[in-house]
């Protein structure tokens, strides 16, 4: 079995470049100069703002090789970044990959992870344009994604107003439930989240959108981020939050608290956003967007500080 130490740094870089070249036969028009130089050159339109985001996907923190396929791991690493672009209403331009890995890691595992990443990149029109390779005791994929949004129209966390309706774009708790199923059965995780890029751009073009955030750390944690940035409060109905079919029954079978999974489960990558005015109803908004969205609450004035009994969601520290 060939390992990274058999390839060497420049052999691995060349291998990733070949994989990327095959995946991106037609590259983004924003890419002036891609992989192979000291840095990439990207070009936005004069009427756009540049959007930049970065996330690390780290072995034994975000993933374990034993519970996920390499392809899913690579894909999931990119999903987190593309979801951030979606939450800003941005169109993807390209991404950088910094791969840290042990010399003994199998080349075939790295190939599979990179292919999983590039498959989503191709689908999302977000080509790999460069990065870095380094030795490490454990594997991590650190991605920097770049996007563009019409100037002055980026979706932000701080735009919620009192009276806005609070919406979510799809079922929550699925990623956390899939992880629990895998851990209980010893099987690999099958659930695959997708970034809501089209929805983010549609929201960016819609009048009356207030604040927006992607749900990566869990509904309660990310709602708290949005409320803090907007200096408002919220009322919401947990029973109105969408979930997958048989969610409650599966939680009971696995001995899980469904409220904890629904409100604090991370990596769903749905969008949580607020709307005011004539589109502030789920039926009208879903028809306008061409995708089902769900009203789950309302923005209210900020209340005095008090201890919350809501699940906290994911936190690294």
Protein backbone atom coordinates (compact mmCIF):
# COMPACT_ATOMS: atom_id res chain seq x y z
CA UNK A 1 0.00 0.00 0.00
CA UNK A 2 1.49 3.31 -1.09
CA UNK A 3 1.72 5.98 1.63
CA UNK A 4 2.28 9.73 1.52
CA UNK A 5 5.92 9.30 2.50
CA UNK A 6 6.40 7.27 -0.70
CA UNK A 7 5.09 10.16 -2.82
CA UNK A 8 6.82 13.03 -1.07
CA UNK A 9 5.48 16.56 -0.78
CA UNK A 10 5.81 17.55 -4.42
CA UNK A 11 4.54 14.22 -5.66
CA UNK A 12 1.40 14.68 -3.54
CA UNK A 13 0.94 18.25 -4.79
CA UNK A 14 1.23 17.07 -8.39
CA UNK A 15 -1.27 14.29 -7.71
CA UNK A 16 -3.83 16.73 -6.28
CA UNK A 17 -3.27 19.09 -9.22
CA UNK A 18 -4.06 16.26 -11.65
CA UNK A 19 -7.22 15.36 -9.74
CA UNK A 20 -8.30 19.00 -9.72
CA UNK A 21 -7.57 19.42 -13.44
CA UNK A 22 -9.84 16.48 -14.25
CA UNK A 23 -12.60 17.69 -11.91
CA UNK A 24 -12.54 21.26 -13.22
CA UNK A 25 -12.34 20.82 -16.98
CA UNK A 26 -14.21 24.12 -17.24
CA UNK A 27 -12.96 26.37 -14.49
CA UNK A 28 -14.70 29.43 -13.06
CA UNK A 29 -14.46 32.62 -15.11
CA UNK A 30 -13.27 34.31 -11.91
CA UNK A 31 -10.01 32.33 -11.98
CA UNK A 32 -7.32 34.27 -13.81
CA UNK A 33 -4.51 31.97 -12.59
CA UNK A 34 -5.14 28.77 -10.68
CA UNK A 35 -2.92 26.08 -9.21
CA UNK A 36 0.79 25.86 -9.94
CA UNK A 37 2.13 29.30 -9.07
CA UNK A 38 3.04 31.02 -5.79
CA UNK A 39 -0.54 32.23 -5.45
CA UNK A 40 -3.81 32.17 -7.36
CA UNK A 41 -5.34 35.15 -9.13
CA UNK A 42 -9.11 35.65 -8.91
CA UNK A 43 -11.14 38.48 -10.39
CA UNK A 44 -14.51 39.74 -9.17
CA UNK A 45 -16.82 42.11 -11.00
CA UNK A 46 -16.50 45.84 -10.23
CA UNK A 47 -20.01 45.72 -8.75
CA UNK A 48 -19.18 42.96 -6.24
CA UNK A 49 -17.69 42.58 -2.77
CA UNK A 50 -15.25 39.75 -2.04
CA UNK A 51 -16.36 37.18 0.58
CA UNK A 52 -13.71 35.08 2.37
CA UNK A 53 -14.21 32.27 4.90
CA UNK A 54 -12.04 29.55 6.42
CA UNK A 55 -12.66 26.35 8.41
CA UNK A 56 -10.54 23.47 9.63
CA UNK A 57 -11.82 19.88 9.56
CA UNK A 58 -9.66 17.97 12.03
CA UNK A 59 -9.23 14.25 12.73
CA UNK A 60 -10.69 13.15 16.10
CA UNK A 61 -12.41 16.54 16.47
CA UNK A 62 -14.66 16.73 13.41
CA UNK A 63 -14.25 13.23 11.99
CA UNK A 64 -12.86 9.74 12.54
CA UNK A 65 -11.71 7.54 9.69
CA UNK A 66 -13.48 4.56 11.30
CA UNK A 67 -16.96 6.11 11.14
CA UNK A 68 -16.88 7.93 7.79
CA UNK A 69 -15.69 7.18 4.29
CA UNK A 70 -12.76 9.25 3.08
CA UNK A 71 -14.93 10.66 0.29
CA UNK A 72 -17.54 11.87 2.77
CA UNK A 73 -14.86 13.43 4.98
CA UNK A 74 -13.40 15.42 2.09
CA UNK A 75 -16.83 16.55 0.99
CA UNK A 76 -17.87 17.55 4.51
CA UNK A 77 -14.75 19.69 4.89
CA UNK A 78 -15.79 21.77 1.89
CA UNK A 79 -19.50 21.86 2.84
CA UNK A 80 -18.70 23.86 5.98
CA UNK A 81 -17.02 26.60 3.93
CA UNK A 82 -19.53 26.71 1.10
CA UNK A 83 -22.31 26.95 3.67
CA UNK A 84 -20.66 30.11 5.03
CA UNK A 85 -20.71 31.56 1.51
CA UNK A 86 -24.38 30.59 1.21
CA UNK A 87 -25.19 32.38 4.47
CA UNK A 88 -23.71 35.59 2.99
CA UNK A 89 -25.59 35.22 -0.30
CA UNK A 90 -22.33 34.77 -2.22
CA UNK A 91 -21.53 32.96 -5.43
CA UNK A 92 -18.40 30.78 -5.08
CA UNK A 93 -15.20 31.80 -6.86
CA UNK A 94 -12.73 29.13 -5.71
CA UNK A 95 -11.08 27.57 -2.68
CA UNK A 96 -7.68 26.81 -1.16
CA UNK A 97 -6.86 23.53 0.58
CA UNK A 98 -4.22 23.18 3.29
CA UNK A 99 -3.73 19.48 3.95
CA UNK A 100 -1.88 18.31 7.05
CA UNK A 101 -1.34 14.55 7.35
CA UNK A 102 0.93 11.85 8.76
CA UNK A 103 3.51 10.44 6.33
CA UNK A 104 2.04 6.97 6.89
CA UNK A 105 -1.46 7.91 5.68
CA UNK A 106 -2.50 5.89 2.64
CA UNK A 107 -2.37 7.68 -0.71
CA UNK A 108 -5.66 6.01 -1.70
CA UNK A 109 -7.37 7.52 1.37
CA UNK A 110 -6.14 11.00 0.46
CA UNK A 111 -7.21 10.45 -3.17
CA UNK A 112 -10.71 9.51 -2.03
CA UNK A 113 -10.98 12.50 0.33
CA UNK A 114 -9.82 14.93 -2.36
CA UNK A 115 -12.17 13.39 -4.94
CA UNK A 116 -15.11 13.78 -2.55
CA UNK A 117 -14.16 17.40 -2.07
CA UNK A 118 -13.69 18.05 -5.80
CA UNK A 119 -17.00 16.40 -6.71
CA UNK A 120 -18.86 18.95 -4.58
CA UNK A 121 -16.54 21.74 -5.80
CA UNK A 122 -17.42 20.94 -9.42
CA UNK A 123 -21.15 20.85 -8.65
CA UNK A 124 -20.86 24.19 -6.83
CA UNK A 125 -18.70 25.90 -9.49
CA UNK A 126 -15.98 26.44 -6.88
CA UNK A 127 -12.63 25.19 -8.26
CA UNK A 128 -9.59 24.32 -6.19
CA UNK A 129 -7.06 27.07 -6.95
CA UNK A 130 -4.18 26.32 -4.57
CA UNK A 131 -3.16 25.48 -1.02
CA UNK A 132 -0.45 23.87 1.05
CA UNK A 133 0.83 20.45 2.19
CA UNK A 134 2.44 19.75 5.56
CA UNK A 135 3.38 16.85 7.82
CA UNK A 136 1.32 16.38 11.03
CA UNK A 137 0.55 13.71 13.60
CA UNK A 138 -3.15 13.73 12.64
CA UNK A 139 -4.99 14.64 9.47
CA UNK A 140 -6.72 17.96 8.95
CA UNK A 141 -8.24 19.72 5.97
CA UNK A 142 -8.16 23.50 6.33
CA UNK A 143 -10.09 25.24 3.60
CA UNK A 144 -10.34 28.89 2.65
CA UNK A 145 -13.25 29.57 0.30
CA UNK A 146 -13.76 32.76 -1.67
CA UNK A 147 -16.97 34.14 -3.07
CA UNK A 148 -18.52 37.31 -4.42
CA UNK A 149 -21.75 39.11 -3.58
CA UNK A 150 -23.39 42.19 -5.14
CA UNK A 151 -21.79 45.23 -3.55
CA UNK A 152 -23.45 46.26 -0.30
CA UNK A 153 -26.01 43.45 -0.41
CA UNK A 154 -24.35 40.64 1.54
CA UNK A 155 -26.56 38.81 4.02
CA UNK A 156 -25.33 39.39 7.57
CA UNK A 157 -26.16 38.29 11.11
CA UNK A 158 -26.89 41.81 12.30
CA UNK A 159 -29.90 42.62 10.10
CA UNK A 160 -32.81 41.25 12.18
CA UNK A 161 -35.49 43.73 13.29
CA UNK A 162 -38.24 43.40 15.89
CA UNK A 163 -41.30 41.94 14.17
CA UNK A 164 -39.37 39.89 11.59
CA UNK A 165 -40.52 36.34 11.02
CA UNK A 166 -37.86 33.68 11.69
CA UNK A 167 -37.40 30.95 9.07
CA UNK A 168 -35.31 27.83 8.59
CA UNK A 169 -34.64 26.22 5.21
CA UNK A 170 -34.97 22.54 5.99
CA UNK A 171 -34.94 19.67 8.49
CA UNK A 172 -32.66 19.92 11.51
CA UNK A 173 -31.11 17.22 13.69
CA UNK A 174 -30.40 14.86 10.78
CA UNK A 175 -26.60 15.05 11.02
CA UNK A 176 -26.54 14.50 14.78
CA UNK A 177 -29.03 11.64 14.49
CA UNK A 178 -26.97 10.02 11.73
CA UNK A 179 -23.87 10.21 13.94
CA UNK A 180 -25.76 8.61 16.83
CA UNK A 181 -27.02 5.82 14.57
CA UNK A 182 -23.51 5.12 13.33
CA UNK A 183 -22.05 5.04 16.82
CA UNK A 184 -24.81 2.69 18.03
CA UNK A 185 -24.52 0.28 15.10
CA UNK A 186 -20.82 0.50 14.26
CA UNK A 187 -21.77 1.40 10.67
CA UNK A 188 -20.43 4.38 8.79
CA UNK A 189 -22.30 7.67 8.61
CA UNK A 190 -24.35 7.95 5.43
CA UNK A 191 -25.98 11.35 5.89
CA UNK A 192 -24.57 14.07 3.58
CA UNK A 193 -25.47 17.70 4.09
CA UNK A 194 -25.38 20.18 1.22
CA UNK A 195 -24.65 23.91 1.23
CA UNK A 196 -27.67 26.09 0.42
CA UNK A 197 -25.83 28.18 -2.17
CA UNK A 198 -28.79 28.75 -4.50
CA UNK A 199 -31.04 29.70 -1.60
CA UNK A 200 -28.47 32.15 -0.22
CA UNK A 201 -28.22 33.94 -3.54
CA UNK A 202 -32.01 33.99 -3.92
CA UNK A 203 -32.37 35.52 -0.45
CA UNK A 204 -29.75 38.12 -1.34
CA UNK A 205 -31.97 39.24 -4.23
CA UNK A 206 -35.19 39.31 -2.20
CA UNK A 207 -36.43 42.51 -0.54
CA UNK A 208 -37.27 42.25 3.14
CA UNK A 209 -34.56 39.79 4.18
CA UNK A 210 -33.16 40.78 7.56
CA UNK A 211 -30.42 38.60 9.06
CA UNK A 212 -29.03 35.24 7.95
CA UNK A 213 -26.72 32.57 9.40
CA UNK A 214 -26.00 28.95 8.55
CA UNK A 215 -26.77 26.29 11.14
CA UNK A 216 -23.41 24.62 11.70
CA UNK A 217 -23.17 24.49 15.51
CA UNK A 218 -26.86 23.78 16.18
CA UNK A 219 -30.08 25.82 16.03
CA UNK A 220 -29.88 27.25 19.55
CA UNK A 221 -26.20 28.24 19.28
CA UNK A 222 -26.51 29.84 15.85
CA UNK A 223 -29.77 31.60 16.72
CA UNK A 224 -27.95 33.06 19.73
CA UNK A 225 -25.19 34.37 17.40
CA UNK A 226 -27.78 36.02 15.15
CA UNK A 227 -29.66 37.59 18.07
CA UNK A 228 -26.48 38.90 19.68
CA UNK A 229 -25.32 40.49 16.42
CA UNK A 230 -28.75 42.07 15.82
CA UNK A 231 -29.26 43.07 19.49
CA UNK A 232 -32.73 41.54 19.56
CA UNK A 233 -34.53 38.57 21.11
CA UNK A 234 -36.68 35.81 19.65
CA UNK A 235 -39.66 33.62 20.41
CA UNK A 236 -39.77 30.27 18.63
CA UNK A 237 -41.81 27.08 18.62
CA UNK A 238 -39.62 23.97 18.75
CA UNK A 239 -42.51 21.88 17.41
CA UNK A 240 -42.49 24.01 14.24
CA UNK A 241 -38.85 23.18 13.46
CA UNK A 242 -38.81 20.67 10.59
CA UNK A 243 -37.16 17.27 11.06
CA UNK A 244 -36.78 14.12 9.02
CA UNK A 245 -39.47 11.45 8.89
CA UNK A 246 -39.46 9.16 11.96
CA UNK A 247 -37.10 11.56 13.77
CA UNK A 248 -38.89 11.32 17.13
CA UNK A 249 -39.22 7.53 16.91
CA UNK A 250 -35.54 7.10 16.02
CA UNK A 251 -34.48 9.31 18.93
CA UNK A 252 -36.59 7.19 21.29
CA UNK A 253 -35.12 3.96 19.86
CA UNK A 254 -31.58 5.22 20.45
CA UNK A 255 -32.35 6.64 23.89
CA UNK A 256 -31.71 10.22 22.76
CA UNK A 257 -33.34 13.46 23.90
CA UNK A 258 -35.04 14.68 20.69
CA UNK A 259 -35.03 18.30 21.88
CA UNK A 260 -31.26 18.14 22.39
CA UNK A 261 -30.69 16.62 18.94
CA UNK A 262 -33.08 19.02 17.20
CA UNK A 263 -31.86 22.23 18.83
CA UNK A 264 -28.20 21.48 19.51
CA UNK A 265 -27.19 19.00 16.81
CA UNK A 266 -24.61 20.54 14.49
CA UNK A 267 -23.59 20.23 10.83
CA UNK A 268 -27.09 20.53 9.32
CA UNK A 269 -25.97 23.54 7.23
CA UNK A 270 -29.49 24.81 6.69
CA UNK A 271 -30.01 28.58 6.63
CA UNK A 272 -31.68 30.44 9.50
CA UNK A 273 -32.95 33.86 8.41
CA UNK A 274 -35.45 36.61 9.15
CA UNK A 275 -37.98 38.24 6.83
CA UNK A 276 -40.22 41.29 7.11
CA UNK A 277 -43.04 42.62 4.94
CA UNK A 278 -45.12 40.93 2.31
CA UNK A 279 -43.05 37.75 2.05
CA UNK A 280 -43.28 36.99 5.79
CA UNK A 281 -45.29 33.77 5.40
CA UNK A 282 -43.92 30.31 4.69
CA UNK A 283 -46.30 29.61 1.82
CA UNK A 284 -45.65 32.85 -0.06
CA UNK A 285 -41.91 32.76 0.60
CA UNK A 286 -41.53 29.10 -0.42
CA UNK A 287 -43.33 29.82 -3.69
CA UNK A 288 -41.14 32.85 -4.38
CA UNK A 289 -37.90 31.00 -3.59
CA UNK A 290 -38.86 27.72 -5.25
CA UNK A 291 -37.89 25.79 -2.13
CA UNK A 292 -39.80 24.88 1.03
CA UNK A 293 -38.93 27.09 4.00
CA UNK A 294 -40.48 26.93 7.46
CA UNK A 295 -41.53 29.68 9.83
CA UNK A 296 -40.41 28.80 13.36
CA UNK A 297 -40.65 32.03 15.32
CA UNK A 298 -40.61 35.80 15.56
CA UNK A 299 -38.04 38.46 16.45
CA UNK A 300 -38.90 40.39 19.63
CA UNK A 301 -37.16 43.08 21.68
CA UNK A 302 -34.06 42.01 23.54
CA UNK A 303 -34.86 40.89 27.06
CA UNK A 304 -32.84 41.24 30.24
CA UNK A 305 -30.08 38.70 30.75
CA UNK A 306 -31.27 35.46 32.26
CA UNK A 307 -30.09 31.89 32.28
CA UNK A 308 -31.41 29.88 29.35
CA UNK A 309 -32.43 26.24 29.60
CA UNK A 310 -31.93 25.71 25.87
CA UNK A 311 -29.33 23.19 24.67
CA UNK A 312 -26.12 25.06 24.02
CA UNK A 313 -25.01 23.55 20.72
CA UNK A 314 -21.44 22.79 19.68
CA UNK A 315 -18.49 24.69 21.12
CA UNK A 316 -14.79 23.83 20.79
CA UNK A 317 -13.88 25.23 24.21
